[in-house]
C-alpha atoms as a PDB file:
ATOM      1  CA  MET A   1     138.189 332.091 146.818  1.00  0.00           C
ATOM      2  CA  SER A   2     141.018 329.702 147.518  1.00  0.00           C
ATOM      3  CA  ASP A   3     141.162 326.995 150.171  1.00  0.00           C
ATOM      4  CA  HIS A   4     143.266 329.284 152.389  1.00  0.00           C
ATOM      5  CA  ALA A   5     140.782 331.354 154.345  1.00  0.00           C
ATOM      6  CA  LEU A   6     140.281 332.535 157.900  1.00  0.00           C
ATOM      7  CA  ILE A   7     136.829 332.672 159.448  1.00  0.00           C
ATOM      8  CA  SER A   8     135.934 334.740 162.494  1.00  0.00           C
ATOM      9  CA  LEU A   9     132.768 334.444 164.599  1.00  0.00           C
ATOM     10  CA  ASP A  10     131.589 337.241 166.882  1.00  0.00           C
ATOM     11  CA  PHE A  11     128.698 336.610 169.222  1.00  0.00           C
ATOM     12  CA  GLY A  12     127.499 339.672 171.102  1.00  0.00           C
ATOM     13  CA  PHE A  13     124.503 341.439 172.594  1.00  0.00           C
ATOM     14  CA  SER A  14     123.144 342.607 169.229  1.00  0.00           C
ATOM     15  CA  GLY A  15     123.674 339.384 167.288  1.00  0.00           C
ATOM     16  CA  CYS A  16     126.144 337.080 165.566  1.00  0.00           C
ATOM     17  CA  HIS A  17     128.627 338.140 162.911  1.00  0.00           C
ATOM     18  CA  CYS A  18     130.727 335.899 160.680  1.00  0.00           C
ATOM     19  CA  LEU A  19     133.676 337.236 158.673  1.00  0.00           C
ATOM     20  CA  LEU A  20     135.652 335.155 156.174  1.00  0.00           C
ATOM     21  CA  VAL A  21     138.943 336.564 154.877  1.00  0.00           C
ATOM     22  CA  ASP A  22     141.033 335.107 152.069  1.00  0.00           C
ATOM     23  CA  SER A  23     144.423 336.839 152.238  1.00  0.00           C
ATOM     24  CA  GLN A  24     145.725 335.163 149.078  1.00  0.00           C
ATOM     25  CA  MET A  25     142.912 336.504 146.914  1.00  0.00           C
ATOM     26  CA  LYS A  26     142.441 339.667 149.002  1.00  0.00           C
ATOM     27  CA  LYS A  27     138.700 339.123 149.466  1.00  0.00           C
ATOM     28  CA  LYS A  28     136.348 339.158 152.424  1.00  0.00           C
ATOM     29  CA  VAL A  29     132.774 337.987 152.893  1.00  0.00           C
ATOM     30  CA  SER A  30     130.506 338.438 155.907  1.00  0.00           C
ATOM     31  CA  SER A  31     127.064 337.594 157.321  1.00  0.00           C
ATOM     32  CA  PHE A  32     125.124 338.876 160.317  1.00  0.00           C
ATOM     33  CA  ARG A  33     122.039 337.758 162.247  1.00  0.00           C
ATOM     34  CA  ASP A  34     120.144 339.761 164.846  1.00  0.00           C
ATOM     35  CA  LEU A  35     119.532 338.059 168.166  1.00  0.00           C
ATOM     36  CA  HIS A  36     117.340 339.357 170.957  1.00  0.00           C
ATOM     37  CA  TYR A  37     117.594 338.256 174.559  1.00  0.00           C
ATOM     38  CA  SER A  38     115.334 338.672 177.534  1.00  0.00           C
ATOM     39  CA  ARG A  39     116.797 340.225 180.662  1.00  0.00           C
ATOM     40  CA  ASP A  40     116.749 338.512 184.024  1.00  0.00           C
ATOM     41  CA  ALA A  41     115.887 341.496 186.244  1.00  0.00           C
ATOM     42  CA  GLY A  42     116.414 339.502 189.407  1.00  0.00           C
ATOM     43  CA  LEU A  43     120.129 339.058 188.708  1.00  0.00           C
ATOM     44  CA  GLY A  44     121.165 342.556 187.607  1.00  0.00           C
ATOM     45  CA  VAL A  45     121.197 344.960 184.695  1.00  0.00           C
ATOM     46  CA  TRP A  46     123.677 343.019 182.526  1.00  0.00           C
ATOM     47  CA  THR A  47     122.122 339.584 183.038  1.00  0.00           C
ATOM     48  CA  PHE A  48     120.438 337.937 180.042  1.00  0.00           C
ATOM     49  CA  ASN A  49     118.618 334.677 179.474  1.00  0.00           C
ATOM     50  CA  LEU A  50     120.498 333.046 176.604  1.00  0.00           C
ATOM     51  CA  ASP A  51     118.872 330.457 174.362  1.00  0.00           C
ATOM     52  CA  THR A  52     121.965 328.280 173.797  1.00  0.00           C
ATOM     53  CA  PRO A  53     120.419 325.970 171.144  1.00  0.00           C
ATOM     54  CA  LEU A  54     119.294 329.054 169.177  1.00  0.00           C
ATOM     55  CA  ILE A  55     122.774 330.585 169.417  1.00  0.00           C
ATOM     56  CA  TRP A  56     124.423 327.421 168.024  1.00  0.00           C
ATOM     57  CA  GLN A  57     121.777 327.241 165.282  1.00  0.00           C
ATOM     58  CA  VAL A  58     122.404 330.859 164.243  1.00  0.00           C
ATOM     59  CA  LEU A  59     126.190 330.425 164.324  1.00  0.00           C
ATOM     60  CA  GLY A  60     125.860 327.387 162.038  1.00  0.00           C
ATOM     61  CA  GLU A  61     123.561 329.295 159.685  1.00  0.00           C
ATOM     62  CA  ILE A  62     125.894 332.265 159.308  1.00  0.00           C
ATOM     63  CA  VAL A  63     128.931 330.018 158.758  1.00  0.00           C
ATOM     64  CA  ARG A  64     127.051 328.143 156.010  1.00  0.00           C
ATOM     65  CA  GLU A  65     125.841 331.413 154.466  1.00  0.00           C
ATOM     66  CA  THR A  66     129.285 333.021 154.551  1.00  0.00           C
ATOM     67  CA  THR A  67     131.115 330.005 153.129  1.00  0.00           C
ATOM     68  CA  HIS A  68     128.442 329.696 150.435  1.00  0.00           C
ATOM     69  CA  LYS A  69     128.950 333.361 149.460  1.00  0.00           C
ATOM     70  CA  ALA A  70     132.691 332.646 149.268  1.00  0.00           C
ATOM     71  CA  ASN A  71     132.199 329.444 147.213  1.00  0.00           C
ATOM     72  CA  LEU A  72     133.858 327.344 149.919  1.00  0.00           C
ATOM     73  CA  SER A  73     132.730 324.195 151.675  1.00  0.00           C
ATOM     74  CA  PRO A  74     131.932 324.724 155.384  1.00  0.00           C
ATOM     75  CA  THR A  75     133.494 321.325 156.180  1.00  0.00           C
ATOM     76  CA  GLY A  76     137.113 320.325 156.506  1.00  0.00           C
ATOM     77  CA  GLY A  77     140.032 322.542 157.357  1.00  0.00           C
ATOM     78  CA  THR A  78     141.627 323.341 160.673  1.00  0.00           C
ATOM     79  CA  LEU A  79     139.789 325.033 163.507  1.00  0.00           C
ATOM     80  CA  TYR A  80     141.521 327.434 165.896  1.00  0.00           C
ATOM     81  CA  LEU A  81     139.512 328.845 168.769  1.00  0.00           C
ATOM     82  CA  ALA A  82     140.228 332.058 170.628  1.00  0.00           C
ATOM     83  CA  ARG A  83     138.185 333.819 173.278  1.00  0.00           C
ATOM     84  CA  HIS A  84     138.159 337.548 173.827  1.00  0.00           C
ATOM     85  CA  SER A  85     136.202 339.353 176.470  1.00  0.00           C
ATOM     86  CA  GLY A  86     136.534 342.624 178.229  1.00  0.00           C
ATOM     87  CA  VAL A  87     134.846 344.815 180.771  1.00  0.00           C
ATOM     88  CA  ARG A  88     134.896 348.585 180.544  1.00  0.00           C
END
């Protein structure tokens, strides 16, 4: 892959997903990790106890794994952050 790639991180209820897309070479690489959370019954049905250090650890692991699969270094580059959330 070239040095022109876009990486996307998705953290959700079932786990963390990392997708790397290289539009110049028309390739994509991805990684996924399961995460399990305990519910906090006292605060409602959709309330979870999140282990923040574990989440950051897993996000780092899947970025390293995905960039390794793509033969790219996980350091350097420009970082753009976007947040998406929705309620149905």
